[in-house]
Amino acid sequence: MGTFKSIVLGIVIGLLAGLWFGVNIGKGRAFYANPFAGKDIAGDLMESSGDMLEKSGKALKELKKD
């Protein structure tokens, strides 16, 4: 009965660790980060502004070609 308990405990710990890592990978964070932490608003703004700047640069290049 002792080996059955250790197998079940190993499976439970593995599932919890996998869930922890999977949530972080899905959110685009480091796998060891806290998945319950709130959003980093400053980082989100920087990322979205960088994307917007790239898109506007591409649009200007297309206008310049025409």
C-alpha atoms as a PDB file:
ATOM      1  CA  MET A   1       0.000   0.000   0.000  1.00  0.00           C
ATOM      2  CA  GLY A   2       2.956   2.335   0.554  1.00  0.00           C
ATOM      3  CA  THR A   3       4.008   2.257  -3.112  1.00  0.00           C
ATOM      4  CA  PHE A   4       0.464   3.057  -4.235  1.00  0.00           C
ATOM      5  CA  LYS A   5       0.433   6.167  -2.026  1.00  0.00           C
ATOM      6  CA  SER A   6       3.777   7.315  -3.412  1.00  0.00           C
ATOM      7  CA  ILE A   7       2.611   6.797  -6.988  1.00  0.00           C
ATOM      8  CA  VAL A   8      -0.581   8.771  -6.371  1.00  0.00           C
ATOM      9  CA  LEU A   9       1.358  11.508  -4.572  1.00  0.00           C
ATOM     10  CA  GLY A  10       3.839  11.694  -7.460  1.00  0.00           C
ATOM     11  CA  ILE A  11       1.014  11.993  -9.976  1.00  0.00           C
ATOM     12  CA  VAL A  12      -0.701  14.749  -7.972  1.00  0.00           C
ATOM     13  CA  ILE A  13       2.520  16.719  -7.555  1.00  0.00           C
ATOM     14  CA  GLY A  14       3.305  16.272 -11.260  1.00  0.00           C
ATOM     15  CA  LEU A  15      -0.132  17.504 -12.275  1.00  0.00           C
ATOM     16  CA  LEU A  16       0.120  20.570 -10.047  1.00  0.00           C
ATOM     17  CA  ALA A  17       3.598  21.446 -11.318  1.00  0.00           C
ATOM     18  CA  GLY A  18       2.494  20.892 -14.919  1.00  0.00           C
ATOM     19  CA  LEU A  19      -0.527  23.120 -14.424  1.00  0.00           C
ATOM     20  CA  TRP A  20       1.662  25.837 -12.861  1.00  0.00           C
ATOM     21  CA  PHE A  21       4.137  25.735 -15.766  1.00  0.00           C
ATOM     22  CA  GLY A  22       1.405  25.418 -18.400  1.00  0.00           C
ATOM     23  CA  VAL A  23      -0.502  28.473 -17.219  1.00  0.00           C
ATOM     24  CA  ASN A  24       2.656  30.563 -17.261  1.00  0.00           C
ATOM     25  CA  ILE A  25       3.702  29.352 -20.700  1.00  0.00           C
ATOM     26  CA  GLY A  26       0.186  30.040 -21.988  1.00  0.00           C
ATOM     27  CA  LYS A  27       0.336  33.602 -20.674  1.00  0.00           C
ATOM     28  CA  GLY A  28       3.749  34.138 -22.265  1.00  0.00           C
ATOM     29  CA  ARG A  29       5.604  34.448 -18.962  1.00  0.00           C
ATOM     30  CA  ALA A  30       8.612  32.634 -17.588  1.00  0.00           C
ATOM     31  CA  PHE A  31       7.571  29.117 -16.554  1.00  0.00           C
ATOM     32  CA  TYR A  32       8.655  29.663 -12.941  1.00  0.00           C
ATOM     33  CA  ALA A  33       6.670  32.921 -12.461  1.00  0.00           C
ATOM     34  CA  ASN A  34       3.651  33.227 -10.208  1.00  0.00           C
ATOM     35  CA  PRO A  35       0.569  32.397 -12.314  1.00  0.00           C
ATOM     36  CA  PHE A  36      -1.694  34.204  -9.816  1.00  0.00           C
ATOM     37  CA  ALA A  37       0.140  37.525 -10.090  1.00  0.00           C
ATOM     38  CA  GLY A  38      -1.792  40.413 -11.584  1.00  0.00           C
ATOM     39  CA  LYS A  39      -1.139  41.744 -15.033  1.00  0.00           C
ATOM     40  CA  ASP A  40       1.839  43.985 -15.546  1.00  0.00           C
ATOM     41  CA  ILE A  41       0.101  47.027 -17.005  1.00  0.00           C
ATOM     42  CA  ALA A  42       3.305  48.846 -17.897  1.00  0.00           C
ATOM     43  CA  GLY A  43       4.643  45.825 -19.767  1.00  0.00           C
ATOM     44  CA  ASP A  44       1.374  45.379 -21.641  1.00  0.00           C
ATOM     45  CA  LEU A  45       1.397  49.043 -22.673  1.00  0.00           C
ATOM     46  CA  MET A  46       4.981  48.828 -23.877  1.00  0.00           C
ATOM     47  CA  GLU A  47       4.229  45.697 -25.889  1.00  0.00           C
ATOM     48  CA  SER A  48       1.094  47.125 -27.504  1.00  0.00           C
ATOM     49  CA  SER A  49       2.757  50.451 -28.283  1.00  0.00           C
ATOM     50  CA  GLY A  50       5.669  48.627 -29.898  1.00  0.00           C
ATOM     51  CA  ASP A  51       3.257  46.663 -32.079  1.00  0.00           C
ATOM     52  CA  MET A  52       1.423  49.849 -33.026  1.00  0.00           C
ATOM     53  CA  LEU A  53       4.687  51.558 -33.926  1.00  0.00           C
ATOM     54  CA  GLU A  54       5.702  48.646 -36.159  1.00  0.00           C
ATOM     55  CA  LYS A  55       2.348  48.651 -37.952  1.00  0.00           C
ATOM     56  CA  SER A  56       2.453  52.396 -38.530  1.00  0.00           C
ATOM     57  CA  GLY A  57       5.989  52.129 -39.880  1.00  0.00           C
ATOM     58  CA  LYS A  58       4.920  49.448 -42.334  1.00  0.00           C
ATOM     59  CA  ALA A  59       1.940  51.556 -43.403  1.00  0.00           C
ATOM     60  CA  LEU A  60       4.199  54.558 -44.035  1.00  0.00           C
ATOM     61  CA  LYS A  61       6.571  52.422 -46.122  1.00  0.00           C
ATOM     62  CA  GLU A  62       3.628  51.189 -48.221  1.00  0.00           C
ATOM     63  CA  LEU A  63       2.407  54.762 -48.755  1.00  0.00           C
ATOM     64  CA  LYS A  64       5.890  55.826 -49.770  1.00  0.00           C
ATOM     65  CA  LYS A  65       6.016  53.050 -52.411  1.00  0.00           C
ATOM     66  CA  ASP A  66       2.751  54.224 -54.010  1.00  0.00           C
END
